[in-house]
Amino acid sequence: MNREVTLPLIVDDRGTLQVSAADVSKLLRTLGGRWLHLVEAGAEDLDEDTVAALTIELAKLADRIDVACIAHSSGGTS
């Protein structure tokens, strides 16, 4: 299951981003980190391999958001 996700940047008519990329990236990374913490604490209803895979994918998504926003703020089209 290797599907690509297209991330639209939400900008106003002046090109200003409407959501802080740093906040979204931090949220995604924090969510993954908290899941890992729950697994380490022994939460029996969470599968360790699944949590690890999801955490990695959330981090990749956060990285893609960061890259897209950096490109946007520097005038790139990526």
N, C-alpha and C. Protein backbone atom coordinates (compact mmCIF):
# COMPACT_ATOMS: atom_id res chain seq x y z
N MET A 1 0.83 -1.18 0.00
CA MET A 1 0.00 0.00 0.00
C MET A 1 0.88 1.24 0.00
N ASN A 2 1.27 1.68 -1.16
CA ASN A 2 2.14 2.84 -1.28
C ASN A 2 1.45 3.89 -2.13
N ARG A 3 0.50 4.58 -1.55
CA ARG A 3 -0.28 5.59 -2.27
C ARG A 3 0.29 6.97 -2.02
N GLU A 4 0.28 7.77 -3.07
CA GLU A 4 0.73 9.15 -2.94
C GLU A 4 -0.41 10.02 -2.46
N VAL A 5 -0.09 10.98 -1.64
CA VAL A 5 -1.06 11.94 -1.15
C VAL A 5 -0.66 13.30 -1.67
N THR A 6 -1.58 13.97 -2.35
CA THR A 6 -1.31 15.32 -2.82
C THR A 6 -1.73 16.29 -1.73
N LEU A 7 -0.83 17.18 -1.38
CA LEU A 7 -1.10 18.13 -0.32
C LEU A 7 -1.33 19.52 -0.90
N PRO A 8 -2.57 19.94 -0.95
CA PRO A 8 -2.81 21.30 -1.44
C PRO A 8 -2.40 22.30 -0.37
N LEU A 9 -1.76 23.35 -0.78
CA LEU A 9 -1.46 24.44 0.13
C LEU A 9 -2.67 25.37 0.13
N ILE A 10 -3.11 25.75 1.29
CA ILE A 10 -4.26 26.64 1.40
C ILE A 10 -3.74 28.06 1.48
N VAL A 11 -3.93 28.79 0.40
CA VAL A 11 -3.45 30.17 0.33
C VAL A 11 -4.61 31.11 0.02
N ASP A 12 -4.46 32.37 0.43
CA ASP A 12 -5.47 33.36 0.09
C ASP A 12 -5.13 33.98 -1.26
N ASP A 13 -5.88 34.99 -1.66
CA ASP A 13 -5.68 35.58 -2.98
C ASP A 13 -4.35 36.33 -3.12
N ARG A 14 -3.66 36.55 -2.02
CA ARG A 14 -2.33 37.19 -2.05
C ARG A 14 -1.21 36.15 -1.98
N GLY A 15 -1.58 34.86 -1.88
CA GLY A 15 -0.58 33.80 -1.81
C GLY A 15 -0.10 33.51 -0.40
N THR A 16 -0.76 34.08 0.60
CA THR A 16 -0.36 33.87 1.98
C THR A 16 -0.93 32.55 2.49
N LEU A 17 -0.08 31.73 3.09
CA LEU A 17 -0.54 30.45 3.65
C LEU A 17 -1.52 30.70 4.79
N GLN A 18 -2.60 29.92 4.83
CA GLN A 18 -3.64 30.09 5.83
C GLN A 18 -3.50 29.16 7.03
N VAL A 19 -2.61 28.19 6.94
CA VAL A 19 -2.36 27.27 8.04
C VAL A 19 -0.86 27.24 8.26
N SER A 20 -0.46 27.34 9.49
CA SER A 20 0.96 27.29 9.79
C SER A 20 1.52 25.90 9.53
N ALA A 21 2.42 25.81 8.58
CA ALA A 21 3.03 24.52 8.26
C ALA A 21 3.76 23.95 9.48
N ALA A 22 4.38 24.82 10.23
CA ALA A 22 5.10 24.35 11.42
C ALA A 22 4.14 23.70 12.41
N ASP A 23 2.96 24.27 12.56
CA ASP A 23 1.97 23.69 13.48
C ASP A 23 1.47 22.33 12.98
N VAL A 24 1.20 22.23 11.69
CA VAL A 24 0.71 20.97 11.13
C VAL A 24 1.80 19.89 11.23
N SER A 25 3.01 20.25 10.85
CA SER A 25 4.11 19.29 10.94
C SER A 25 4.32 18.82 12.37
N LYS A 26 4.30 19.78 13.29
CA LYS A 26 4.48 19.43 14.71
C LYS A 26 3.37 18.52 15.19
N LEU A 27 2.13 18.80 14.78
CA LEU A 27 1.00 17.96 15.17
C LEU A 27 1.18 16.52 14.68
N LEU A 28 1.57 16.36 13.41
CA LEU A 28 1.76 15.02 12.86
C LEU A 28 2.86 14.26 13.59
N ARG A 29 3.97 14.93 13.84
CA ARG A 29 5.09 14.27 14.53
C ARG A 29 4.74 13.96 15.99
N THR A 30 4.02 14.87 16.64
CA THR A 30 3.62 14.66 18.03
C THR A 30 2.66 13.49 18.14
N LEU A 31 1.73 13.39 17.22
CA LEU A 31 0.77 12.29 17.23
C LEU A 31 1.50 10.95 17.15
N GLY A 32 2.41 10.83 16.20
CA GLY A 32 3.19 9.60 16.08
C GLY A 32 3.99 9.30 17.33
N GLY A 33 4.59 10.33 17.89
CA GLY A 33 5.38 10.16 19.10
C GLY A 33 4.54 9.69 20.28
N ARG A 34 3.34 10.22 20.38
CA ARG A 34 2.46 9.81 21.48
C ARG A 34 1.99 8.37 21.30
N TRP A 35 1.73 7.99 20.06
CA TRP A 35 1.37 6.58 19.82
C TRP A 35 2.50 5.67 20.25
N LEU A 36 3.73 6.02 19.85
CA LEU A 36 4.89 5.20 20.24
C LEU A 36 5.02 5.12 21.76
N HIS A 37 4.80 6.25 22.42
CA HIS A 37 4.88 6.27 23.88
C HIS A 37 3.84 5.32 24.49
N LEU A 38 2.64 5.31 23.94
CA LEU A 38 1.60 4.41 24.43
C LEU A 38 2.00 2.95 24.25
N VAL A 39 2.60 2.64 23.10
CA VAL A 39 3.05 1.26 22.86
C VAL A 39 4.14 0.90 23.87
N GLU A 40 5.08 1.81 24.07
CA GLU A 40 6.17 1.55 25.02
C GLU A 40 5.65 1.39 26.45
N ALA A 41 4.54 2.08 26.74
CA ALA A 41 3.95 1.99 28.08
C ALA A 41 3.11 0.74 28.25
N GLY A 42 2.96 -0.05 27.16
CA GLY A 42 2.27 -1.31 27.27
C GLY A 42 0.79 -1.30 26.89
N ALA A 43 0.36 -0.30 26.14
CA ALA A 43 -1.04 -0.26 25.71
C ALA A 43 -1.32 -1.51 24.87
N GLU A 44 -2.15 -2.38 25.37
CA GLU A 44 -2.38 -3.67 24.74
C GLU A 44 -3.22 -3.59 23.47
N ASP A 45 -3.97 -2.51 23.31
CA ASP A 45 -4.85 -2.41 22.15
C ASP A 45 -4.15 -1.81 20.92
N LEU A 46 -2.85 -1.55 21.04
CA LEU A 46 -2.09 -0.99 19.92
C LEU A 46 -1.04 -2.00 19.45
N ASP A 47 -1.02 -2.24 18.15
CA ASP A 47 -0.04 -3.13 17.55
C ASP A 47 1.25 -2.36 17.29
N GLU A 48 2.34 -2.83 17.84
CA GLU A 48 3.62 -2.12 17.76
C GLU A 48 4.07 -1.90 16.32
N ASP A 49 3.96 -2.90 15.47
CA ASP A 49 4.40 -2.76 14.08
C ASP A 49 3.53 -1.76 13.32
N THR A 50 2.23 -1.79 13.59
CA THR A 50 1.33 -0.85 12.92
C THR A 50 1.61 0.57 13.37
N VAL A 51 1.79 0.76 14.66
CA VAL A 51 2.09 2.09 15.19
C VAL A 51 3.40 2.60 14.61
N ALA A 52 4.40 1.75 14.54
CA ALA A 52 5.70 2.16 13.98
C ALA A 52 5.54 2.58 12.52
N ALA A 53 4.80 1.80 11.75
CA ALA A 53 4.60 2.12 10.33
C ALA A 53 3.82 3.43 10.17
N LEU A 54 2.78 3.61 10.97
CA LEU A 54 2.01 4.85 10.89
C LEU A 54 2.83 6.05 11.32
N THR A 55 3.64 5.90 12.34
CA THR A 55 4.49 6.99 12.81
C THR A 55 5.48 7.41 11.72
N ILE A 56 6.05 6.43 11.04
CA ILE A 56 6.97 6.74 9.94
C ILE A 56 6.25 7.49 8.83
N GLU A 57 5.04 7.04 8.49
CA GLU A 57 4.28 7.71 7.42
C GLU A 57 3.87 9.12 7.82
N LEU A 58 3.52 9.32 9.08
CA LEU A 58 3.19 10.67 9.55
C LEU A 58 4.41 11.58 9.46
N ALA A 59 5.58 11.07 9.81
CA ALA A 59 6.80 11.86 9.72
C ALA A 59 7.12 12.21 8.27
N LYS A 60 6.91 11.25 7.36
CA LYS A 60 7.13 11.52 5.93
C LYS A 60 6.17 12.59 5.43
N LEU A 61 4.92 12.52 5.87
CA LEU A 61 3.93 13.51 5.47
C LEU A 61 4.32 14.88 6.01
N ALA A 62 4.75 14.94 7.25
CA ALA A 62 5.21 16.20 7.84
C ALA A 62 6.39 16.76 7.05
N ASP A 63 7.31 15.89 6.65
CA ASP A 63 8.45 16.33 5.84
C ASP A 63 8.00 16.91 4.50
N ARG A 64 7.02 16.26 3.88
CA ARG A 64 6.51 16.74 2.59
C ARG A 64 5.83 18.10 2.74
N ILE A 65 5.11 18.28 3.83
CA ILE A 65 4.49 19.58 4.08
C ILE A 65 5.55 20.65 4.24
N ASP A 66 6.59 20.33 5.02
CA ASP A 66 7.68 21.28 5.23
C ASP A 66 8.33 21.66 3.90
N VAL A 67 8.63 20.67 3.08
CA VAL A 67 9.28 20.92 1.79
C VAL A 67 8.38 21.77 0.89
N ALA A 68 7.09 21.43 0.83
CA ALA A 68 6.16 22.19 -0.02
C ALA A 68 6.05 23.64 0.44
N CYS A 69 6.02 23.85 1.73
CA CYS A 69 5.89 25.21 2.25
C CYS A 69 7.18 26.00 2.08
N ILE A 70 8.31 25.34 2.21
CA ILE A 70 9.58 26.02 1.96
C ILE A 70 9.66 26.45 0.51
N ALA A 71 9.26 25.54 -0.39
CA ALA A 71 9.26 25.88 -1.81
C ALA A 71 8.30 27.03 -2.09
N HIS A 72 7.14 27.00 -1.46
CA HIS A 72 6.15 28.07 -1.65
C HIS A 72 6.70 29.41 -1.19
N SER A 73 7.31 29.41 -0.01
CA SER A 73 7.78 30.68 0.55
C SER A 73 9.01 31.21 -0.16
N SER A 74 9.72 30.32 -0.87
CA SER A 74 10.90 30.77 -1.62
C SER A 74 10.59 31.03 -3.08
N GLY A 75 9.30 30.89 -3.43
CA GLY A 75 8.88 31.17 -4.81
C GLY A 75 8.95 29.99 -5.73
N GLY A 76 9.27 28.79 -5.23
CA GLY A 76 9.32 27.59 -6.06
C GLY A 76 7.94 27.05 -6.34
N THR A 77 7.88 26.03 -7.18
CA THR A 77 6.59 25.44 -7.54
C THR A 77 6.44 24.01 -7.04
N SER A 78 7.39 23.47 -6.28
CA SER A 78 7.34 22.08 -5.81
C SER A 78 6.28 21.87 -4.79
